[in-house]
Amino acid sequence: MVRTTRQRAAVRAVFADLEGFHSAQEVHARLRGSGDQVGLSTVYRAVQSLADDGELDSIRTDTGEALYRRCSPQHHHHLVCRTCGRTVEVAGPAVEQWADRVADEHGFADVSHTLEIFGICADCRRALPHQDQPVHEKSQTAST
């Protein structure tokens, strides 16, 4: 078990007040803004440690940036909006079965996985100008 330091506790407290995914830089800025003189590298280590311990979820954006948030204790996957960052946790029994089957077919055991599906949420799609909506959405909009 990792020793709880003042900095780790401060990072944990920031995530307790946040919704959604946030970067280590955002957490660092919040800590500095509240007067906590913690270094960015310390925040990175604390965030990674909390993620390793299962207290935080982490995802990589399509640009490769790591984002973190408080984690649900049960295994889950994420739908992530590329526009606003909104994230929805989803259970995926079919994904679990597929991963186990593929692993077994290739002789792997004790497998784990993560899954993030990136797209554009309904609110952001509604905010798009009509001509920028995906083709399947235009046909749905036209028929209503």
N, C-alpha and C. Protein backbone atom coordinates (compact mmCIF):
# COMPACT_ATOMS: atom_id res chain seq x y z
N MET A 1 0.84 -1.19 0.00
CA MET A 1 0.00 0.00 0.00
C MET A 1 0.88 1.24 0.00
N VAL A 2 0.47 2.24 -0.74
CA VAL A 2 1.22 3.47 -0.87
C VAL A 2 0.91 4.36 0.33
N ARG A 3 1.94 4.97 0.86
CA ARG A 3 1.79 5.89 1.97
C ARG A 3 1.03 7.13 1.49
N THR A 4 0.07 7.58 2.30
CA THR A 4 -0.68 8.78 1.93
C THR A 4 0.10 10.00 2.38
N THR A 5 0.50 10.80 1.41
CA THR A 5 1.22 12.04 1.68
C THR A 5 0.23 13.21 1.66
N ARG A 6 0.67 14.35 2.14
CA ARG A 6 -0.15 15.55 2.11
C ARG A 6 -0.53 15.89 0.67
N GLN A 7 0.44 15.75 -0.24
CA GLN A 7 0.19 16.08 -1.64
C GLN A 7 -0.83 15.12 -2.27
N ARG A 8 -0.67 13.84 -1.97
CA ARG A 8 -1.60 12.84 -2.51
C ARG A 8 -3.01 13.10 -1.98
N ALA A 9 -3.11 13.44 -0.69
CA ALA A 9 -4.42 13.76 -0.11
C ALA A 9 -5.01 15.00 -0.76
N ALA A 10 -4.18 15.99 -1.06
CA ALA A 10 -4.65 17.22 -1.70
C ALA A 10 -5.16 16.93 -3.11
N VAL A 11 -4.44 16.10 -3.85
CA VAL A 11 -4.88 15.73 -5.21
C VAL A 11 -6.19 14.95 -5.13
N ARG A 12 -6.29 14.04 -4.19
CA ARG A 12 -7.53 13.26 -4.02
C ARG A 12 -8.70 14.21 -3.71
N ALA A 13 -8.46 15.21 -2.87
CA ALA A 13 -9.51 16.17 -2.51
C ALA A 13 -9.97 16.99 -3.72
N VAL A 14 -9.04 17.36 -4.59
CA VAL A 14 -9.42 18.10 -5.80
C VAL A 14 -10.35 17.24 -6.65
N PHE A 15 -10.00 15.98 -6.85
CA PHE A 15 -10.85 15.11 -7.67
C PHE A 15 -12.21 14.87 -7.03
N ALA A 16 -12.28 14.91 -5.70
CA ALA A 16 -13.57 14.74 -5.02
C ALA A 16 -14.52 15.88 -5.36
N ASP A 17 -13.97 17.04 -5.71
CA ASP A 17 -14.80 18.21 -6.04
C ASP A 17 -15.05 18.37 -7.54
N LEU A 18 -14.45 17.52 -8.36
CA LEU A 18 -14.55 17.67 -9.81
C LEU A 18 -15.49 16.64 -10.41
N GLU A 19 -16.12 17.02 -11.49
CA GLU A 19 -16.90 16.10 -12.32
C GLU A 19 -16.12 15.90 -13.61
N GLY A 20 -16.23 14.74 -14.20
CA GLY A 20 -15.60 14.49 -15.49
C GLY A 20 -14.10 14.31 -15.40
N PHE A 21 -13.49 14.26 -16.57
CA PHE A 21 -12.05 14.02 -16.69
C PHE A 21 -11.28 15.33 -16.71
N HIS A 22 -10.09 15.32 -16.08
CA HIS A 22 -9.24 16.51 -16.00
C HIS A 22 -7.78 16.10 -16.10
N SER A 23 -6.98 17.00 -16.61
CA SER A 23 -5.54 16.74 -16.75
C SER A 23 -4.82 17.03 -15.44
N ALA A 24 -3.62 16.49 -15.32
CA ALA A 24 -2.78 16.79 -14.15
C ALA A 24 -2.50 18.28 -14.08
N GLN A 25 -2.36 18.93 -15.23
CA GLN A 25 -2.11 20.37 -15.25
C GLN A 25 -3.29 21.14 -14.65
N GLU A 26 -4.51 20.71 -14.95
CA GLU A 26 -5.69 21.37 -14.38
C GLU A 26 -5.72 21.19 -12.87
N VAL A 27 -5.40 19.99 -12.40
CA VAL A 27 -5.37 19.73 -10.96
C VAL A 27 -4.29 20.59 -10.31
N HIS A 28 -3.14 20.67 -10.94
CA HIS A 28 -2.05 21.50 -10.42
C HIS A 28 -2.49 22.96 -10.32
N ALA A 29 -3.15 23.47 -11.35
CA ALA A 29 -3.62 24.86 -11.33
C ALA A 29 -4.62 25.09 -10.20
N ARG A 30 -5.51 24.15 -9.96
CA ARG A 30 -6.47 24.28 -8.86
C ARG A 30 -5.76 24.30 -7.52
N LEU A 31 -4.79 23.41 -7.36
CA LEU A 31 -4.04 23.37 -6.10
C LEU A 31 -3.29 24.68 -5.88
N ARG A 32 -2.62 25.16 -6.92
CA ARG A 32 -1.89 26.42 -6.80
C ARG A 32 -2.84 27.58 -6.52
N GLY A 33 -4.00 27.55 -7.17
CA GLY A 33 -5.00 28.59 -6.96
C GLY A 33 -5.54 28.64 -5.54
N SER A 34 -5.52 27.50 -4.87
CA SER A 34 -5.98 27.46 -3.48
C SER A 34 -4.84 27.67 -2.49
N GLY A 35 -3.65 28.00 -3.02
CA GLY A 35 -2.51 28.31 -2.15
C GLY A 35 -1.61 27.14 -1.82
N ASP A 36 -1.88 25.98 -2.38
CA ASP A 36 -1.04 24.80 -2.11
C ASP A 36 0.19 24.87 -3.01
N GLN A 37 1.36 24.91 -2.43
CA GLN A 37 2.62 25.04 -3.18
C GLN A 37 3.17 23.67 -3.57
N VAL A 38 2.43 22.93 -4.35
CA VAL A 38 2.84 21.61 -4.80
C VAL A 38 3.35 21.72 -6.23
N GLY A 39 4.41 20.99 -6.53
CA GLY A 39 4.99 21.03 -7.87
C GLY A 39 4.21 20.19 -8.86
N LEU A 40 4.32 20.55 -10.12
CA LEU A 40 3.62 19.82 -11.17
C LEU A 40 4.07 18.37 -11.23
N SER A 41 5.36 18.11 -11.09
CA SER A 41 5.84 16.72 -11.14
C SER A 41 5.27 15.91 -9.98
N THR A 42 5.09 16.54 -8.83
CA THR A 42 4.48 15.86 -7.68
C THR A 42 3.03 15.52 -7.98
N VAL A 43 2.32 16.44 -8.62
CA VAL A 43 0.93 16.18 -9.00
C VAL A 43 0.86 15.02 -9.98
N TYR A 44 1.75 15.01 -10.97
CA TYR A 44 1.79 13.90 -11.93
C TYR A 44 1.99 12.57 -11.21
N ARG A 45 2.94 12.53 -10.28
CA ARG A 45 3.20 11.28 -9.54
C ARG A 45 1.98 10.87 -8.71
N ALA A 46 1.36 11.83 -8.03
CA ALA A 46 0.20 11.53 -7.19
C ALA A 46 -0.97 11.03 -8.04
N VAL A 47 -1.21 11.69 -9.16
CA VAL A 47 -2.31 11.29 -10.05
C VAL A 47 -2.06 9.89 -10.59
N GLN A 48 -0.84 9.62 -11.03
CA GLN A 48 -0.52 8.29 -11.56
C GLN A 48 -0.65 7.22 -10.47
N SER A 49 -0.21 7.54 -9.27
CA SER A 49 -0.32 6.60 -8.16
C SER A 49 -1.78 6.31 -7.83
N LEU A 50 -2.62 7.34 -7.80
CA LEU A 50 -4.05 7.14 -7.54
C LEU A 50 -4.69 6.32 -8.66
N ALA A 51 -4.27 6.54 -9.89
CA ALA A 51 -4.79 5.75 -11.01
C ALA A 51 -4.33 4.30 -10.89
N ASP A 52 -3.06 4.10 -10.55
CA ASP A 52 -2.54 2.74 -10.39
C ASP A 52 -3.28 1.98 -9.29
N ASP A 53 -3.70 2.72 -8.25
CA ASP A 53 -4.41 2.10 -7.12
C ASP A 53 -5.90 1.93 -7.39
N GLY A 54 -6.37 2.37 -8.57
CA GLY A 54 -7.77 2.21 -8.92
C GLY A 54 -8.69 3.29 -8.38
N GLU A 55 -8.12 4.34 -7.80
CA GLU A 55 -8.96 5.43 -7.28
C GLU A 55 -9.37 6.41 -8.39
N LEU A 56 -8.60 6.47 -9.47
CA LEU A 56 -8.90 7.35 -10.59
C LEU A 56 -8.96 6.53 -11.87
N ASP A 57 -9.89 6.90 -12.73
CA ASP A 57 -9.91 6.40 -14.11
C ASP A 57 -8.96 7.25 -14.91
N SER A 58 -8.35 6.68 -15.91
CA SER A 58 -7.57 7.50 -16.84
C SER A 58 -7.94 7.12 -18.26
N ILE A 59 -7.95 8.12 -19.10
CA ILE A 59 -8.16 7.90 -20.52
C ILE A 59 -7.15 8.74 -21.27
N ARG A 60 -6.93 8.39 -22.51
CA ARG A 60 -6.10 9.21 -23.40
C ARG A 60 -7.03 9.80 -24.44
N THR A 61 -6.89 11.10 -24.64
CA THR A 61 -7.68 11.75 -25.68
C THR A 61 -7.15 11.33 -27.03
N ASP A 62 -7.85 11.69 -28.09
CA ASP A 62 -7.36 11.34 -29.42
C ASP A 62 -6.09 12.10 -29.76
N THR A 63 -5.71 13.09 -28.95
CA THR A 63 -4.42 13.79 -29.13
C THR A 63 -3.34 13.21 -28.24
N GLY A 64 -3.68 12.20 -27.42
CA GLY A 64 -2.70 11.54 -26.58
C GLY A 64 -2.59 12.07 -25.17
N GLU A 65 -3.36 13.11 -24.83
CA GLU A 65 -3.28 13.68 -23.48
C GLU A 65 -3.97 12.74 -22.49
N ALA A 66 -3.35 12.54 -21.32
CA ALA A 66 -3.95 11.72 -20.27
C ALA A 66 -4.88 12.59 -19.43
N LEU A 67 -6.09 12.09 -19.23
CA LEU A 67 -7.08 12.75 -18.39
C LEU A 67 -7.53 11.78 -17.31
N TYR A 68 -7.93 12.31 -16.16
CA TYR A 68 -8.26 11.48 -15.00
C TYR A 68 -9.55 11.97 -14.36
N ARG A 69 -10.22 11.03 -13.65
CA ARG A 69 -11.37 11.39 -12.83
C ARG A 69 -11.56 10.32 -11.76
N ARG A 70 -12.39 10.67 -10.76
CA ARG A 70 -12.70 9.68 -9.72
C ARG A 70 -13.30 8.45 -10.38
N CYS A 71 -12.97 7.31 -9.85
CA CYS A 71 -13.32 6.05 -10.50
C CYS A 71 -14.45 5.33 -9.78
N SER A 72 -15.34 4.76 -10.55
CA SER A 72 -16.29 3.80 -10.01
C SER A 72 -15.53 2.52 -9.69
N PRO A 73 -15.88 1.86 -8.61
CA PRO A 73 -15.10 0.68 -8.22
C PRO A 73 -15.26 -0.53 -9.15
N GLN A 74 -16.40 -0.65 -9.84
CA GLN A 74 -16.59 -1.81 -10.71
C GLN A 74 -16.03 -1.52 -12.11
N HIS A 75 -15.67 -2.58 -12.81
CA HIS A 75 -15.10 -2.46 -14.16
C HIS A 75 -16.14 -1.84 -15.08
N HIS A 76 -15.68 -0.91 -15.92
CA HIS A 76 -16.57 -0.22 -16.83
C HIS A 76 -15.77 0.35 -17.99
N HIS A 77 -16.48 0.88 -18.96
CA HIS A 77 -15.89 1.51 -20.14
C HIS A 77 -16.41 2.93 -20.23
N HIS A 78 -15.89 3.70 -21.18
CA HIS A 78 -16.28 5.10 -21.29
C HIS A 78 -16.70 5.49 -22.70
N LEU A 79 -17.74 6.30 -22.78
CA LEU A 79 -18.07 7.05 -23.98
C LEU A 79 -17.62 8.47 -23.69
N VAL A 80 -16.80 9.05 -24.56
CA VAL A 80 -16.21 10.37 -24.32
C VAL A 80 -16.53 11.29 -25.48
N CYS A 81 -17.10 12.46 -25.17
CA CYS A 81 -17.39 13.44 -26.22
C CYS A 81 -16.11 14.17 -26.60
N ARG A 82 -15.79 14.15 -27.88
CA ARG A 82 -14.59 14.83 -28.38
C ARG A 82 -14.73 16.35 -28.32
N THR A 83 -15.95 16.85 -28.25
CA THR A 83 -16.17 18.29 -28.26
C THR A 83 -16.11 18.88 -26.85
N CYS A 84 -16.92 18.35 -25.93
CA CYS A 84 -17.02 18.96 -24.60
C CYS A 84 -16.34 18.14 -23.50
N GLY A 85 -15.96 16.90 -23.80
CA GLY A 85 -15.31 16.06 -22.79
C GLY A 85 -16.26 15.29 -21.91
N ARG A 86 -17.57 15.47 -22.09
CA ARG A 86 -18.53 14.71 -21.29
C ARG A 86 -18.22 13.23 -21.40
N THR A 87 -18.31 12.54 -20.27
CA THR A 87 -17.97 11.13 -20.24
C THR A 87 -19.08 10.35 -19.56
N VAL A 88 -19.43 9.22 -20.14
CA VAL A 88 -20.45 8.35 -19.59
C VAL A 88 -19.81 6.99 -19.34
N GLU A 89 -20.00 6.47 -18.13
CA GLU A 89 -19.53 5.12 -17.83
C GLU A 89 -20.57 4.13 -18.33
N VAL A 90 -20.11 3.09 -19.00
CA VAL A 90 -21.01 2.06 -19.50
C VAL A 90 -20.46 0.68 -19.16
N ALA A 91 -21.38 -0.22 -18.84
CA ALA A 91 -21.00 -1.61 -18.66
C ALA A 91 -21.05 -2.27 -20.03
N GLY A 92 -20.18 -3.22 -20.25
CA GLY A 92 -20.14 -3.85 -21.56
C GLY A 92 -19.95 -5.34 -21.49
N PRO A 93 -20.99 -6.08 -21.07
CA PRO A 93 -20.84 -7.53 -20.99
C PRO A 93 -20.39 -8.17 -22.30
N ALA A 94 -20.86 -7.66 -23.42
CA ALA A 94 -20.45 -8.22 -24.71
C ALA A 94 -18.96 -8.00 -24.94
N VAL A 95 -18.44 -6.85 -24.52
CA VAL A 95 -17.01 -6.57 -24.64
C VAL A 95 -16.22 -7.53 -23.77
N GLU A 96 -16.70 -7.76 -22.56
CA GLU A 96 -16.01 -8.68 -21.64
C GLU A 96 -15.93 -10.08 -22.24
N GLN A 97 -17.05 -10.54 -22.78
CA GLN A 97 -17.08 -11.88 -23.38
C GLN A 97 -16.16 -11.95 -24.59
N TRP A 98 -16.18 -10.93 -25.43
CA TRP A 98 -15.32 -10.89 -26.60
C TRP A 98 -13.85 -10.91 -26.19
N ALA A 99 -13.47 -10.08 -25.21
CA ALA A 99 -12.07 -10.01 -24.77
C ALA A 99 -11.61 -11.36 -24.23
N ASP A 100 -12.46 -12.01 -23.43
CA ASP A 100 -12.10 -13.33 -22.89
C ASP A 100 -11.95 -14.36 -24.01
N ARG A 101 -12.87 -14.33 -24.99
CA ARG A 101 -12.81 -15.29 -26.09
C ARG A 101 -11.56 -15.09 -26.93
N VAL A 102 -11.25 -13.84 -27.29
CA VAL A 102 -10.07 -13.56 -28.10
C VAL A 102 -8.80 -13.95 -27.35
N ALA A 103 -8.75 -13.63 -26.07
CA ALA A 103 -7.57 -14.00 -25.27
C ALA A 103 -7.40 -15.51 -25.24
N ASP A 104 -8.51 -16.22 -25.02
CA ASP A 104 -8.45 -17.68 -24.97
C ASP A 104 -8.01 -18.27 -26.30
N GLU A 105 -8.52 -17.73 -27.40
CA GLU A 105 -8.14 -18.21 -28.73
C GLU A 105 -6.65 -18.06 -29.00
N HIS A 106 -6.03 -17.10 -28.34
CA HIS A 106 -4.60 -16.85 -28.54
C HIS A 106 -3.74 -17.34 -27.39
N GLY A 107 -4.35 -18.10 -26.47
CA GLY A 107 -3.60 -18.70 -25.38
C GLY A 107 -3.26 -17.75 -24.24
N PHE A 108 -3.97 -16.63 -24.13
CA PHE A 108 -3.72 -15.68 -23.04
C PHE A 108 -4.66 -15.96 -21.88
N ALA A 109 -4.20 -15.69 -20.67
CA ALA A 109 -5.02 -15.83 -19.48
C ALA A 109 -4.82 -14.61 -18.60
N ASP A 110 -5.69 -14.45 -17.63
CA ASP A 110 -5.60 -13.34 -16.67
C ASP A 110 -5.48 -12.01 -17.40
N VAL A 111 -6.37 -11.78 -18.37
CA VAL A 111 -6.31 -10.57 -19.20
C VAL A 111 -7.09 -9.43 -18.56
N SER A 112 -6.71 -8.24 -18.92
CA SER A 112 -7.45 -7.04 -18.54
C SER A 112 -7.50 -6.14 -19.77
N HIS A 113 -8.35 -5.13 -19.73
CA HIS A 113 -8.47 -4.23 -20.86
C HIS A 113 -9.10 -2.92 -20.41
N THR A 114 -8.96 -1.92 -21.25
CA THR A 114 -9.67 -0.66 -21.09
C THR A 114 -10.30 -0.33 -22.43
N LEU A 115 -11.41 0.39 -22.39
CA LEU A 115 -12.08 0.76 -23.63
C LEU A 115 -12.66 2.16 -23.49
N GLU A 116 -12.25 3.04 -24.38
CA GLU A 116 -12.82 4.37 -24.47
C GLU A 116 -13.35 4.54 -25.89
N ILE A 117 -14.59 4.94 -26.01
CA ILE A 117 -15.19 5.19 -27.31
C ILE A 117 -15.41 6.69 -27.43
N PHE A 118 -14.79 7.30 -28.43
CA PHE A 118 -14.88 8.75 -28.61
C PHE A 118 -15.90 9.07 -29.69
N GLY A 119 -16.69 10.10 -29.44
CA GLY A 119 -17.68 10.55 -30.40
C GLY A 119 -18.14 11.94 -30.02
N ILE A 120 -19.31 12.33 -30.48
CA ILE A 120 -19.88 13.63 -30.16
C ILE A 120 -21.22 13.39 -29.47
N CYS A 121 -21.37 13.94 -28.26
CA CYS A 121 -22.58 13.71 -27.47
C CYS A 121 -23.79 14.41 -28.11
N ALA A 122 -24.97 14.05 -27.64
CA ALA A 122 -26.22 14.58 -28.20
C ALA A 122 -26.29 16.10 -28.07
N ASP A 123 -25.88 16.65 -26.92
CA ASP A 123 -25.93 18.11 -26.74
C ASP A 123 -25.04 18.82 -27.75
N CYS A 124 -23.83 18.31 -27.94
CA CYS A 124 -22.91 18.94 -28.90
C CYS A 124 -23.40 18.77 -30.33
N ARG A 125 -24.00 17.61 -30.64
CA ARG A 125 -24.56 17.41 -31.98
C ARG A 125 -25.68 18.40 -32.26
N ARG A 126 -26.53 18.63 -31.25
CA ARG A 126 -27.63 19.59 -31.43
C ARG A 126 -27.10 21.00 -31.66
N ALA A 127 -25.94 21.30 -31.10
CA ALA A 127 -25.35 22.64 -31.24
C ALA A 127 -24.67 22.84 -32.60
N LEU A 128 -24.45 21.74 -33.34
CA LEU A 128 -23.82 21.86 -34.66
C LEU A 128 -24.77 22.54 -35.64
N PRO A 129 -24.24 23.37 -36.53
CA PRO A 129 -25.08 23.89 -37.61
C PRO A 129 -25.64 22.72 -38.41
N HIS A 130 -26.83 22.85 -38.93
CA HIS A 130 -27.51 21.74 -39.63
C HIS A 130 -26.63 21.09 -40.68
N GLN A 131 -25.90 21.86 -41.48
CA GLN A 131 -25.09 21.27 -42.55
C GLN A 131 -23.89 20.49 -42.02
N ASP A 132 -23.50 20.70 -40.74
CA ASP A 132 -22.35 19.99 -40.18
C ASP A 132 -22.74 18.71 -39.47
N GLN A 133 -24.03 18.39 -39.40
CA GLN A 133 -24.45 17.19 -38.72
C GLN A 133 -24.10 15.96 -39.56
N PRO A 134 -23.80 14.85 -38.90
CA PRO A 134 -23.52 13.61 -39.64
C PRO A 134 -24.70 13.25 -40.54
N VAL A 135 -24.42 12.56 -41.63
CA VAL A 135 -25.44 12.21 -42.63
C VAL A 135 -26.61 11.48 -42.00
N HIS A 136 -26.36 10.48 -41.13
CA HIS A 136 -27.47 9.73 -40.55
C HIS A 136 -28.34 10.62 -39.68
N GLU A 137 -27.77 11.67 -39.09
CA GLU A 137 -28.56 12.57 -38.27
C GLU A 137 -29.39 13.51 -39.13
N LYS A 138 -28.87 13.92 -40.28
CA LYS A 138 -29.63 14.79 -41.18
C LYS A 138 -30.92 14.09 -41.60
N SER A 139 -30.81 12.80 -41.92
CA SER A 139 -32.00 12.08 -42.37
C SER A 139 -33.01 11.95 -41.23
N GLN A 140 -32.52 11.78 -39.99
CA GLN A 140 -33.44 11.71 -38.85
C GLN A 140 -34.09 13.06 -38.62
N THR A 141 -33.31 14.13 -38.74
CA THR A 141 -33.83 15.48 -38.53
C THR A 141 -34.86 15.82 -39.59
N ALA A 142 -34.59 15.45 -40.84
CA ALA A 142 -35.48 15.77 -41.94
C ALA A 142 -36.82 15.04 -41.83
N SER A 143 -36.82 13.87 -41.20
CA SER A 143 -38.04 13.08 -41.14
C SER A 143 -38.91 13.44 -39.95
N THR A 144 -38.43 14.30 -39.07
CA THR A 144 -39.25 14.64 -37.90
C THR A 144 -40.00 15.92 -38.07
